[in-house]
């Protein structure tokens, strides 16, 4: 064990030395153990990173568990219980087919090799999808918004400028009355009648 220097080993005329060498060595061991028990379970980034480190799935581990495909270990690791049980049932069926007839066993063996090849392709996509879901769960965890909350209103619509739907309604009303369509209320004025048009 490395010697851990005391944190506050200063001497003052007015203050006694609170840290002695023997206390420093004892505190070093206690401090390293205290870090292991430290609870960072607040709502901060440290908590999220600790939870991510424990829950994210690793491709290397899934690939290594593919060796145990007959037991469905890779599927169980990637949270696919149904697929894991299908592997186990298929393995028992393959063993029974081997004992029954060798031609059937050859067909089952070919199907088994195809299933392993499919799972080798499937692992990468499954790890990506699972890790994305885990990140979303962790980062979106927390308090739900209050009932009726629909987001922050950034720019409320101005009452002086009509909306597009309101302008369409006004144009339809003007067309029904037979009046020439004029500028909508609050819209900038156009060129005067008979004025030369810009080219």
N, C-alpha and C. Protein backbone atom coordinates (compact mmCIF):
# COMPACT_ATOMS: atom_id res chain seq x y z
N UNK A 1 0.85 -1.18 0.00
CA UNK A 1 0.00 0.00 0.00
C UNK A 1 0.89 1.24 0.00
N UNK A 2 0.55 2.19 -0.83
CA UNK A 2 1.31 3.42 -0.91
C UNK A 2 1.00 4.30 0.30
N UNK A 3 2.02 5.06 0.71
CA UNK A 3 1.81 5.99 1.82
C UNK A 3 0.96 7.15 1.34
N UNK A 4 -0.08 7.43 2.07
CA UNK A 4 -0.99 8.51 1.71
C UNK A 4 -0.68 9.70 2.60
N UNK A 5 -0.22 10.79 2.01
CA UNK A 5 0.14 11.97 2.80
C UNK A 5 -1.10 12.59 3.40
N UNK A 6 -1.00 13.10 4.63
CA UNK A 6 -2.15 13.73 5.24
C UNK A 6 -2.58 14.96 4.45
N UNK A 7 -3.86 15.22 4.46
CA UNK A 7 -4.39 16.32 3.68
C UNK A 7 -4.06 17.68 4.30
N UNK A 8 -4.14 17.79 5.61
CA UNK A 8 -3.91 19.07 6.29
C UNK A 8 -2.78 18.89 7.30
N UNK A 9 -1.58 18.82 6.82
CA UNK A 9 -0.44 18.63 7.71
C UNK A 9 0.29 19.96 7.84
N UNK A 10 -0.37 20.94 8.35
CA UNK A 10 0.26 22.24 8.53
C UNK A 10 0.42 22.48 10.04
N UNK A 11 1.43 23.24 10.35
CA UNK A 11 1.68 23.56 11.76
C UNK A 11 1.50 25.05 11.94
N UNK A 12 0.86 25.38 12.97
CA UNK A 12 0.62 26.78 13.28
C UNK A 12 0.85 26.98 14.76
N UNK A 13 1.18 28.20 15.10
CA UNK A 13 1.37 28.52 16.51
C UNK A 13 0.05 28.40 17.25
N UNK A 14 -1.04 28.78 16.55
CA UNK A 14 -2.34 28.82 17.21
C UNK A 14 -3.13 27.53 17.08
N UNK A 15 -2.80 26.70 16.07
CA UNK A 15 -3.57 25.48 15.85
C UNK A 15 -2.66 24.28 15.99
N UNK A 16 -3.08 23.26 16.73
CA UNK A 16 -2.25 22.05 16.81
C UNK A 16 -2.35 21.24 15.51
N UNK A 17 -1.38 20.41 15.29
CA UNK A 17 -1.39 19.56 14.11
C UNK A 17 -2.42 18.46 14.32
N UNK A 18 -3.47 18.49 13.53
CA UNK A 18 -4.56 17.54 13.69
C UNK A 18 -4.28 16.22 12.98
N UNK A 19 -3.34 16.23 12.05
CA UNK A 19 -3.04 15.02 11.29
C UNK A 19 -1.63 14.55 11.64
N UNK A 20 -1.55 13.37 12.17
CA UNK A 20 -0.25 12.78 12.46
C UNK A 20 0.02 11.70 11.42
N UNK A 21 1.24 11.26 11.33
CA UNK A 21 1.62 10.28 10.31
C UNK A 21 0.81 9.00 10.46
N UNK A 22 0.63 8.49 11.67
CA UNK A 22 -0.12 7.25 11.86
C UNK A 22 -1.60 7.47 11.51
N UNK A 23 -2.13 8.63 11.86
CA UNK A 23 -3.51 8.93 11.51
C UNK A 23 -3.66 9.07 10.01
N UNK A 24 -2.60 9.59 9.36
CA UNK A 24 -2.64 9.75 7.91
C UNK A 24 -2.70 8.41 7.21
N UNK A 25 -1.90 7.44 7.69
CA UNK A 25 -1.93 6.11 7.07
C UNK A 25 -3.28 5.44 7.27
N UNK A 26 -3.86 5.59 8.41
CA UNK A 26 -5.17 4.99 8.69
C UNK A 26 -6.24 5.69 7.86
N UNK A 27 -6.12 7.00 7.73
CA UNK A 27 -7.11 7.75 6.97
C UNK A 27 -7.05 7.39 5.49
N UNK A 28 -5.84 7.05 5.00
CA UNK A 28 -5.68 6.70 3.59
C UNK A 28 -6.50 5.46 3.26
N UNK A 29 -6.42 4.44 4.08
CA UNK A 29 -7.20 3.23 3.84
C UNK A 29 -8.68 3.48 3.96
N UNK A 30 -9.07 4.29 4.95
CA UNK A 30 -10.49 4.60 5.13
C UNK A 30 -11.01 5.44 3.98
N UNK A 31 -10.15 6.34 3.47
CA UNK A 31 -10.57 7.21 2.39
C UNK A 31 -10.80 6.41 1.10
N UNK A 32 -9.90 5.46 0.81
CA UNK A 32 -10.09 4.68 -0.41
C UNK A 32 -11.34 3.82 -0.32
N UNK A 33 -11.68 3.34 0.84
CA UNK A 33 -12.92 2.58 1.01
C UNK A 33 -14.14 3.49 0.95
N UNK A 34 -13.99 4.72 1.45
CA UNK A 34 -15.12 5.64 1.44
C UNK A 34 -15.51 6.00 0.01
N UNK A 35 -14.54 6.08 -0.89
CA UNK A 35 -14.87 6.41 -2.29
C UNK A 35 -15.72 5.32 -2.91
N UNK A 36 -15.49 4.07 -2.51
CA UNK A 36 -16.27 2.97 -3.07
C UNK A 36 -17.72 3.02 -2.60
N UNK A 37 -17.94 3.55 -1.41
CA UNK A 37 -19.30 3.61 -0.85
C UNK A 37 -19.98 4.94 -1.10
N UNK A 38 -19.31 5.85 -1.79
CA UNK A 38 -19.86 7.18 -2.01
C UNK A 38 -21.13 7.10 -2.84
N UNK A 39 -22.18 7.74 -2.37
CA UNK A 39 -23.45 7.73 -3.06
C UNK A 39 -23.56 8.98 -3.92
N UNK A 40 -23.54 8.80 -5.22
CA UNK A 40 -23.69 9.92 -6.14
C UNK A 40 -25.08 9.88 -6.78
N UNK A 41 -26.06 9.45 -6.02
CA UNK A 41 -27.38 9.21 -6.56
C UNK A 41 -28.26 10.43 -6.68
N UNK A 42 -27.72 11.59 -6.85
CA UNK A 42 -28.56 12.77 -7.06
C UNK A 42 -29.16 12.74 -8.44
N UNK A 43 -29.46 13.91 -8.97
CA UNK A 43 -30.04 13.97 -10.30
C UNK A 43 -29.04 14.53 -11.29
N UNK A 44 -27.75 14.34 -11.04
CA UNK A 44 -26.74 14.97 -11.87
C UNK A 44 -26.12 14.04 -12.88
N UNK A 45 -25.13 14.58 -13.56
CA UNK A 45 -24.44 13.86 -14.61
C UNK A 45 -23.63 12.69 -14.05
N UNK A 46 -23.11 12.83 -12.83
CA UNK A 46 -22.34 11.73 -12.24
C UNK A 46 -23.22 10.50 -12.05
N UNK A 47 -24.43 10.71 -11.57
CA UNK A 47 -25.35 9.59 -11.37
C UNK A 47 -25.66 8.93 -12.71
N UNK A 48 -25.90 9.75 -13.72
CA UNK A 48 -26.23 9.21 -15.04
C UNK A 48 -25.06 8.41 -15.60
N UNK A 49 -23.83 8.91 -15.44
CA UNK A 49 -22.67 8.20 -15.96
C UNK A 49 -22.44 6.89 -15.22
N UNK A 50 -22.65 6.89 -13.90
CA UNK A 50 -22.50 5.65 -13.14
C UNK A 50 -23.54 4.62 -13.57
N UNK A 51 -24.75 5.06 -13.76
CA UNK A 51 -25.80 4.13 -14.18
C UNK A 51 -25.56 3.63 -15.60
N UNK A 52 -25.09 4.52 -16.48
CA UNK A 52 -24.77 4.11 -17.85
C UNK A 52 -23.68 3.05 -17.86
N UNK A 53 -22.64 3.26 -17.05
CA UNK A 53 -21.53 2.31 -17.02
C UNK A 53 -22.00 0.93 -16.59
N UNK A 54 -22.99 0.88 -15.71
CA UNK A 54 -23.47 -0.41 -15.24
C UNK A 54 -24.49 -1.07 -16.15
N UNK A 55 -25.23 -0.29 -16.92
CA UNK A 55 -26.33 -0.86 -17.69
C UNK A 55 -26.07 -1.04 -19.18
N UNK A 56 -25.11 -0.30 -19.75
CA UNK A 56 -24.88 -0.40 -21.20
C UNK A 56 -24.38 -1.80 -21.56
N UNK A 57 -24.82 -2.30 -22.70
CA UNK A 57 -24.41 -3.61 -23.19
C UNK A 57 -23.14 -3.47 -24.02
N UNK A 58 -22.29 -4.47 -23.95
CA UNK A 58 -21.01 -4.44 -24.65
C UNK A 58 -20.98 -5.49 -25.75
N UNK A 59 -20.54 -5.06 -26.93
CA UNK A 59 -20.51 -5.97 -28.07
C UNK A 59 -19.56 -7.14 -27.84
N UNK A 60 -18.40 -6.87 -27.25
CA UNK A 60 -17.42 -7.94 -27.02
C UNK A 60 -17.98 -9.04 -26.14
N UNK A 61 -18.69 -8.67 -25.11
CA UNK A 61 -19.28 -9.67 -24.22
C UNK A 61 -20.37 -10.46 -24.95
N UNK A 62 -21.16 -9.78 -25.77
CA UNK A 62 -22.21 -10.47 -26.52
C UNK A 62 -21.61 -11.44 -27.53
N UNK A 63 -20.53 -11.01 -28.19
CA UNK A 63 -19.86 -11.91 -29.14
C UNK A 63 -19.27 -13.12 -28.42
N UNK A 64 -18.70 -12.89 -27.25
CA UNK A 64 -18.12 -14.02 -26.50
C UNK A 64 -19.22 -15.00 -26.07
N UNK A 65 -20.37 -14.47 -25.73
CA UNK A 65 -21.47 -15.35 -25.30
C UNK A 65 -22.11 -16.08 -26.48
N UNK A 66 -21.81 -15.66 -27.70
CA UNK A 66 -22.32 -16.38 -28.87
C UNK A 66 -21.78 -17.79 -28.92
N UNK A 67 -20.64 -18.03 -28.28
CA UNK A 67 -20.09 -19.38 -28.19
C UNK A 67 -21.09 -20.28 -27.46
N UNK A 68 -21.80 -19.73 -26.49
CA UNK A 68 -22.81 -20.49 -25.77
C UNK A 68 -24.18 -20.38 -26.41
N UNK A 69 -24.23 -20.26 -27.73
CA UNK A 69 -25.51 -20.10 -28.44
C UNK A 69 -26.50 -21.23 -28.13
N UNK A 70 -26.08 -22.47 -28.00
CA UNK A 70 -27.06 -23.52 -27.71
C UNK A 70 -27.83 -23.27 -26.40
N UNK A 71 -27.23 -22.55 -25.49
CA UNK A 71 -27.92 -22.22 -24.24
C UNK A 71 -28.62 -20.87 -24.30
N UNK A 72 -28.46 -20.14 -25.39
CA UNK A 72 -29.11 -18.84 -25.55
C UNK A 72 -28.51 -17.76 -24.68
N UNK A 73 -27.24 -17.90 -24.31
CA UNK A 73 -26.62 -16.95 -23.39
C UNK A 73 -26.53 -15.55 -23.99
N UNK A 74 -26.20 -15.46 -25.28
CA UNK A 74 -26.06 -14.14 -25.90
C UNK A 74 -27.41 -13.45 -25.98
N UNK A 75 -28.48 -14.20 -26.23
CA UNK A 75 -29.82 -13.61 -26.28
C UNK A 75 -30.27 -13.17 -24.88
N UNK A 76 -29.95 -13.95 -23.87
CA UNK A 76 -30.32 -13.57 -22.50
C UNK A 76 -29.57 -12.30 -22.09
N UNK A 77 -28.29 -12.19 -22.46
CA UNK A 77 -27.50 -11.00 -22.13
C UNK A 77 -28.09 -9.77 -22.80
N UNK A 78 -28.62 -9.93 -24.01
CA UNK A 78 -29.16 -8.79 -24.75
C UNK A 78 -30.67 -8.63 -24.51
N UNK A 79 -31.14 -9.10 -23.38
CA UNK A 79 -32.52 -8.90 -22.91
C UNK A 79 -33.56 -9.43 -23.90
N UNK A 80 -33.29 -10.57 -24.50
CA UNK A 80 -34.26 -11.22 -25.38
C UNK A 80 -34.55 -12.59 -24.80
N UNK A 81 -35.41 -12.62 -23.78
CA UNK A 81 -35.71 -13.88 -23.09
C UNK A 81 -36.40 -14.88 -24.02
N UNK A 82 -37.29 -14.40 -24.88
CA UNK A 82 -37.99 -15.30 -25.80
C UNK A 82 -36.99 -15.98 -26.74
N UNK A 83 -36.06 -15.20 -27.30
CA UNK A 83 -35.04 -15.77 -28.17
C UNK A 83 -34.13 -16.75 -27.45
N UNK A 84 -33.80 -16.45 -26.18
CA UNK A 84 -32.95 -17.36 -25.41
C UNK A 84 -33.65 -18.70 -25.20
N UNK A 85 -34.93 -18.65 -24.87
CA UNK A 85 -35.66 -19.90 -24.68
C UNK A 85 -35.85 -20.66 -25.99
N UNK A 86 -36.02 -19.95 -27.10
CA UNK A 86 -36.11 -20.63 -28.40
C UNK A 86 -34.81 -21.38 -28.72
N UNK A 87 -33.65 -20.77 -28.39
CA UNK A 87 -32.37 -21.44 -28.59
C UNK A 87 -32.30 -22.71 -27.74
N UNK A 88 -32.73 -22.62 -26.50
CA UNK A 88 -32.65 -23.79 -25.60
C UNK A 88 -33.55 -24.92 -26.10
N UNK A 89 -34.76 -24.57 -26.52
CA UNK A 89 -35.69 -25.59 -27.02
C UNK A 89 -35.16 -26.20 -28.31
N UNK A 90 -34.60 -25.35 -29.20
CA UNK A 90 -34.04 -25.85 -30.46
C UNK A 90 -32.85 -26.77 -30.21
N UNK A 91 -32.07 -26.49 -29.19
CA UNK A 91 -30.93 -27.35 -28.87
C UNK A 91 -31.39 -28.72 -28.40
N UNK A 92 -32.41 -28.74 -27.54
CA UNK A 92 -32.95 -30.03 -27.08
C UNK A 92 -33.53 -30.79 -28.27
N UNK A 93 -34.24 -30.06 -29.16
CA UNK A 93 -34.78 -30.71 -30.35
C UNK A 93 -33.69 -31.25 -31.26
N UNK A 94 -32.60 -30.52 -31.40
CA UNK A 94 -31.49 -30.97 -32.25
C UNK A 94 -30.85 -32.22 -31.66
N UNK A 95 -30.70 -32.26 -30.35
CA UNK A 95 -30.12 -33.46 -29.72
C UNK A 95 -31.04 -34.65 -29.90
N UNK A 96 -32.35 -34.44 -29.78
CA UNK A 96 -33.30 -35.53 -29.97
C UNK A 96 -33.28 -36.00 -31.43
N UNK A 97 -33.16 -35.05 -32.38
CA UNK A 97 -33.10 -35.43 -33.79
C UNK A 97 -31.84 -36.21 -34.11
N UNK A 98 -30.74 -35.87 -33.46
CA UNK A 98 -29.48 -36.59 -33.67
C UNK A 98 -29.62 -38.04 -33.22
N UNK A 99 -30.30 -38.26 -32.14
CA UNK A 99 -30.49 -39.62 -31.64
C UNK A 99 -31.49 -40.39 -32.51
N UNK A 100 -32.38 -39.70 -33.17
CA UNK A 100 -33.44 -40.36 -33.94
C UNK A 100 -32.96 -40.75 -35.33
N UNK A 101 -32.41 -39.79 -36.09
CA UNK A 101 -32.01 -40.07 -37.46
C UNK A 101 -30.89 -39.09 -37.84
N UNK A 102 -29.85 -39.59 -38.47
CA UNK A 102 -28.73 -38.75 -38.83
C UNK A 102 -29.05 -37.78 -39.97
N UNK A 103 -29.96 -38.16 -40.90
CA UNK A 103 -30.32 -37.24 -41.98
C UNK A 103 -31.06 -36.03 -41.42
N UNK A 104 -31.94 -36.25 -40.46
CA UNK A 104 -32.64 -35.14 -39.82
C UNK A 104 -31.64 -34.29 -39.05
N UNK A 105 -30.68 -34.94 -38.42
CA UNK A 105 -29.66 -34.21 -37.66
C UNK A 105 -28.84 -33.31 -38.57
N UNK A 106 -28.57 -33.75 -39.81
CA UNK A 106 -27.81 -32.92 -40.75
C UNK A 106 -28.62 -31.68 -41.12
N UNK A 107 -29.91 -31.84 -41.34
CA UNK A 107 -30.77 -30.69 -41.63
C UNK A 107 -30.86 -29.73 -40.46
N UNK A 108 -30.98 -30.29 -39.27
CA UNK A 108 -31.04 -29.45 -38.06
C UNK A 108 -29.70 -28.73 -37.85
N UNK A 109 -28.60 -29.42 -38.14
CA UNK A 109 -27.28 -28.79 -38.01
C UNK A 109 -27.11 -27.62 -38.97
N UNK A 110 -27.61 -27.80 -40.21
CA UNK A 110 -27.52 -26.70 -41.18
C UNK A 110 -28.37 -25.51 -40.72
N UNK A 111 -29.55 -25.81 -40.18
CA UNK A 111 -30.40 -24.73 -39.66
C UNK A 111 -29.73 -24.05 -38.46
N UNK A 112 -29.03 -24.83 -37.65
CA UNK A 112 -28.36 -24.27 -36.47
C UNK A 112 -27.25 -23.32 -36.91
N UNK A 113 -26.47 -23.72 -37.94
CA UNK A 113 -25.38 -22.87 -38.44
C UNK A 113 -25.96 -21.57 -39.03
N UNK A 114 -27.08 -21.68 -39.74
CA UNK A 114 -27.72 -20.48 -40.29
C UNK A 114 -28.22 -19.56 -39.17
N UNK A 115 -28.74 -20.15 -38.10
CA UNK A 115 -29.22 -19.34 -36.97
C UNK A 115 -28.07 -18.64 -36.26
N UNK A 116 -26.93 -19.30 -36.15
CA UNK A 116 -25.76 -18.67 -35.53
C UNK A 116 -25.27 -17.52 -36.41
N UNK A 117 -25.27 -17.73 -37.74
CA UNK A 117 -24.86 -16.66 -38.64
C UNK A 117 -25.81 -15.47 -38.54
N UNK A 118 -27.11 -15.74 -38.43
CA UNK A 118 -28.07 -14.64 -38.29
C UNK A 118 -27.84 -13.89 -36.98
N UNK A 119 -27.60 -14.63 -35.90
CA UNK A 119 -27.38 -13.97 -34.61
C UNK A 119 -26.08 -13.19 -34.60
N UNK A 120 -25.08 -13.64 -35.34
CA UNK A 120 -23.84 -12.86 -35.44
C UNK A 120 -24.12 -11.52 -36.11
N UNK A 121 -25.01 -11.49 -37.08
CA UNK A 121 -25.42 -10.24 -37.73
C UNK A 121 -26.32 -9.43 -36.80
N UNK A 122 -27.17 -10.11 -36.05
CA UNK A 122 -28.17 -9.47 -35.19
C UNK A 122 -27.56 -8.78 -33.98
N UNK A 123 -26.46 -9.29 -33.44
CA UNK A 123 -25.87 -8.78 -32.20
C UNK A 123 -25.56 -7.29 -32.30
N UNK A 124 -24.90 -6.87 -33.36
CA UNK A 124 -24.50 -5.48 -33.48
C UNK A 124 -25.71 -4.55 -33.47
N UNK A 125 -26.72 -4.91 -34.22
CA UNK A 125 -27.93 -4.07 -34.27
C UNK A 125 -28.67 -4.06 -32.95
N UNK A 126 -28.71 -5.19 -32.28
CA UNK A 126 -29.41 -5.28 -30.99
C UNK A 126 -28.69 -4.46 -29.93
N UNK A 127 -27.36 -4.52 -29.89
CA UNK A 127 -26.60 -3.74 -28.92
C UNK A 127 -26.83 -2.25 -29.15
N UNK A 128 -26.81 -1.83 -30.41
CA UNK A 128 -27.05 -0.42 -30.73
C UNK A 128 -28.44 0.02 -30.27
N UNK A 129 -29.45 -0.77 -30.58
CA UNK A 129 -30.83 -0.41 -30.19
C UNK A 129 -31.00 -0.41 -28.67
N UNK A 130 -30.44 -1.42 -27.99
CA UNK A 130 -30.56 -1.48 -26.53
C UNK A 130 -29.87 -0.30 -25.86
N UNK A 131 -28.65 0.01 -26.30
CA UNK A 131 -27.91 1.11 -25.68
C UNK A 131 -28.60 2.45 -25.92
N UNK A 132 -29.21 2.61 -27.07
CA UNK A 132 -29.95 3.84 -27.34
C UNK A 132 -31.14 3.95 -26.39
N UNK A 133 -31.85 2.84 -26.19
CA UNK A 133 -32.99 2.83 -25.28
C UNK A 133 -32.56 3.09 -23.84
N UNK A 134 -31.45 2.49 -23.43
CA UNK A 134 -30.95 2.67 -22.06
C UNK A 134 -30.55 4.12 -21.84
N UNK A 135 -29.86 4.72 -22.80
CA UNK A 135 -29.48 6.14 -22.67
C UNK A 135 -30.71 7.03 -22.56
N UNK A 136 -31.71 6.75 -23.38
CA UNK A 136 -32.93 7.56 -23.35
C UNK A 136 -33.62 7.43 -21.99
N UNK A 137 -33.70 6.22 -21.45
CA UNK A 137 -34.33 6.01 -20.15
C UNK A 137 -33.59 6.76 -19.04
N UNK A 138 -32.26 6.70 -19.08
CA UNK A 138 -31.47 7.32 -18.02
C UNK A 138 -31.53 8.84 -18.10
N UNK A 139 -31.36 9.39 -19.30
CA UNK A 139 -31.32 10.84 -19.41
C UNK A 139 -32.70 11.48 -19.33
N UNK A 140 -33.74 10.72 -19.59
CA UNK A 140 -35.09 11.27 -19.46
C UNK A 140 -35.71 10.96 -18.11
N UNK A 141 -34.98 10.26 -17.26
CA UNK A 141 -35.51 9.95 -15.93
C UNK A 141 -35.61 11.23 -15.12
N UNK A 142 -36.53 11.25 -14.23
CA UNK A 142 -36.71 12.43 -13.39
C UNK A 142 -38.17 12.74 -13.23
N UNK A 143 -38.43 13.94 -12.82
CA UNK A 143 -39.81 14.32 -12.56
C UNK A 143 -40.55 14.55 -13.87
N UNK A 144 -41.81 14.14 -13.87
CA UNK A 144 -42.66 14.37 -15.04
C UNK A 144 -43.14 15.82 -15.02
N UNK A 145 -43.44 16.39 -16.18
CA UNK A 145 -43.95 17.76 -16.19
C UNK A 145 -45.32 17.83 -15.53
N UNK A 146 -45.70 19.00 -15.04
CA UNK A 146 -47.00 19.12 -14.39
C UNK A 146 -48.13 18.86 -15.39
N UNK A 147 -49.31 18.46 -14.89
CA UNK A 147 -50.42 18.18 -15.81
C UNK A 147 -50.79 19.43 -16.61
N UNK A 148 -51.05 19.23 -17.90
CA UNK A 148 -51.44 20.34 -18.76
C UNK A 148 -50.27 21.12 -19.33
N UNK A 149 -49.04 20.73 -19.01
CA UNK A 149 -47.87 21.46 -19.52
C UNK A 149 -47.67 21.11 -20.98
N UNK A 150 -47.59 22.11 -21.83
CA UNK A 150 -47.43 21.86 -23.27
C UNK A 150 -46.16 22.49 -23.81
N UNK A 151 -45.23 22.81 -22.97
CA UNK A 151 -43.99 23.40 -23.44
C UNK A 151 -43.95 24.89 -23.16
N UNK A 152 -42.78 25.45 -23.37
CA UNK A 152 -42.59 26.87 -23.11
C UNK A 152 -43.09 27.68 -24.30
N UNK A 153 -43.84 28.73 -24.03
CA UNK A 153 -44.31 29.60 -25.10
C UNK A 153 -43.26 30.68 -25.31
N UNK A 154 -42.64 30.65 -26.47
CA UNK A 154 -41.53 31.57 -26.72
C UNK A 154 -42.05 32.90 -27.24
N UNK A 155 -42.76 32.89 -28.33
CA UNK A 155 -43.30 34.12 -28.92
C UNK A 155 -44.81 33.97 -29.08
N UNK A 156 -45.57 34.57 -28.20
CA UNK A 156 -47.02 34.46 -28.39
C UNK A 156 -47.43 35.21 -29.66
N UNK A 157 -48.44 34.71 -30.36
CA UNK A 157 -48.85 35.39 -31.59
C UNK A 157 -49.37 36.79 -31.29
N UNK A 158 -49.01 37.72 -32.15
CA UNK A 158 -49.42 39.11 -31.97
C UNK A 158 -50.88 39.26 -32.41
N UNK A 159 -51.71 39.93 -31.62
CA UNK A 159 -53.12 40.07 -32.00
C UNK A 159 -53.31 41.02 -33.18
N UNK A 160 -52.33 41.87 -33.49
CA UNK A 160 -52.51 42.84 -34.57
C UNK A 160 -52.31 42.21 -35.95
N UNK A 161 -51.51 41.18 -36.07
CA UNK A 161 -51.26 40.54 -37.36
C UNK A 161 -52.08 39.26 -37.41
N UNK A 162 -53.00 39.14 -38.38
CA UNK A 162 -53.82 37.92 -38.45
C UNK A 162 -52.98 36.74 -38.89
N UNK A 163 -53.41 35.58 -38.45
CA UNK A 163 -52.71 34.36 -38.84
C UNK A 163 -52.99 34.05 -40.30
N UNK A 164 -52.28 33.08 -40.83
CA UNK A 164 -52.46 32.70 -42.23
C UNK A 164 -53.89 32.21 -42.47
N UNK A 165 -54.41 31.40 -41.54
CA UNK A 165 -55.77 30.89 -41.68
C UNK A 165 -56.78 32.04 -41.65
N UNK A 166 -56.54 33.03 -40.78
CA UNK A 166 -57.43 34.18 -40.70
C UNK A 166 -57.39 34.99 -42.01
N UNK A 167 -56.21 35.15 -42.59
CA UNK A 167 -56.10 35.87 -43.86
C UNK A 167 -56.84 35.12 -44.96
N UNK A 168 -56.74 33.80 -44.99
CA UNK A 168 -57.47 33.01 -45.98
C UNK A 168 -58.98 33.19 -45.81
N UNK A 169 -59.45 33.20 -44.55
CA UNK A 169 -60.87 33.40 -44.30
C UNK A 169 -61.33 34.77 -44.80
N UNK A 170 -60.52 35.80 -44.53
CA UNK A 170 -60.88 37.15 -44.98
C UNK A 170 -60.93 37.23 -46.51
N UNK A 171 -60.03 36.57 -47.20
CA UNK A 171 -60.03 36.57 -48.66
C UNK A 171 -61.26 35.86 -49.22
N UNK A 172 -61.64 34.73 -48.58
CA UNK A 172 -62.85 34.02 -49.04
C UNK A 172 -64.09 34.89 -48.85
N UNK A 173 -64.19 35.60 -47.72
CA UNK A 173 -65.33 36.49 -47.48
C UNK A 173 -65.36 37.62 -48.50
N UNK A 174 -64.20 38.18 -48.82
CA UNK A 174 -64.14 39.27 -49.81
C UNK A 174 -64.54 38.77 -51.18
N UNK A 175 -64.16 37.55 -51.52
CA UNK A 175 -64.52 36.99 -52.82
C UNK A 175 -66.02 36.74 -52.89
N UNK A 176 -66.65 36.33 -51.81
CA UNK A 176 -68.09 36.10 -51.80
C UNK A 176 -68.86 37.40 -51.97
N UNK A 177 -68.35 38.46 -51.37
CA UNK A 177 -69.02 39.77 -51.47
C UNK A 177 -68.78 40.42 -52.82
N UNK A 178 -67.80 39.95 -53.57
CA UNK A 178 -67.49 40.54 -54.87
C UNK A 178 -66.55 41.72 -54.77
N UNK A 179 -66.01 41.99 -53.61
CA UNK A 179 -65.09 43.11 -53.44
C UNK A 179 -63.72 42.68 -53.90
N UNK A 180 -62.97 43.61 -54.50
CA UNK A 180 -61.59 43.24 -54.89
C UNK A 180 -60.78 42.96 -53.64
N UNK A 181 -59.95 41.95 -53.69
CA UNK A 181 -59.16 41.62 -52.49
C UNK A 181 -58.17 42.72 -52.20
N UNK A 182 -58.21 43.19 -50.99
CA UNK A 182 -57.29 44.24 -50.55
C UNK A 182 -56.28 43.66 -49.60
N UNK A 183 -55.41 44.50 -49.13
CA UNK A 183 -54.42 43.97 -48.17
C UNK A 183 -55.12 43.57 -46.88
N UNK A 184 -54.60 42.56 -46.29
CA UNK A 184 -55.15 42.09 -45.02
C UNK A 184 -54.86 43.11 -43.94
N UNK A 185 -55.72 43.19 -42.93
CA UNK A 185 -55.45 44.14 -41.85
C UNK A 185 -54.11 43.84 -41.21
N UNK A 186 -53.32 44.87 -41.02
CA UNK A 186 -52.02 44.71 -40.39
C UNK A 186 -50.91 44.38 -41.39
N UNK A 187 -51.27 44.14 -42.69
CA UNK A 187 -50.26 43.82 -43.69
C UNK A 187 -49.72 45.12 -44.28
N UNK A 188 -48.49 45.14 -44.77
CA UNK A 188 -47.94 46.36 -45.36
C UNK A 188 -48.70 46.73 -46.64
N UNK A 189 -48.89 48.00 -46.91
CA UNK A 189 -49.64 48.39 -48.11
C UNK A 189 -48.87 48.07 -49.36
N UNK A 190 -49.62 47.70 -50.44
CA UNK A 190 -49.02 47.38 -51.73
C UNK A 190 -48.92 48.63 -52.58
N UNK A 191 -48.53 48.49 -53.86
CA UNK A 191 -48.42 49.66 -54.74
C UNK A 191 -49.83 50.23 -55.04
N UNK A 192 -49.89 51.49 -55.29
CA UNK A 192 -51.16 52.14 -55.59
C UNK A 192 -51.68 51.67 -56.93
N UNK A 193 -53.04 51.66 -57.13
CA UNK A 193 -53.58 51.23 -58.41
C UNK A 193 -53.10 52.16 -59.52
N UNK A 194 -52.73 51.61 -60.65
CA UNK A 194 -52.27 52.38 -61.79
C UNK A 194 -50.80 52.73 -61.72
N UNK A 195 -50.14 52.42 -60.61
CA UNK A 195 -48.70 52.72 -60.49
C UNK A 195 -47.91 51.72 -61.29
N UNK A 196 -46.77 52.11 -61.86
CA UNK A 196 -45.98 51.16 -62.63
C UNK A 196 -45.47 50.04 -61.75
N UNK A 197 -45.54 48.85 -62.29
CA UNK A 197 -45.10 47.66 -61.55
C UNK A 197 -43.59 47.55 -61.64
N UNK A 198 -42.95 47.18 -60.55
CA UNK A 198 -41.48 46.97 -60.58
C UNK A 198 -41.12 45.78 -61.45
N UNK A 199 -40.04 45.91 -62.16
CA UNK A 199 -39.59 44.82 -63.05
C UNK A 199 -38.47 44.06 -62.45
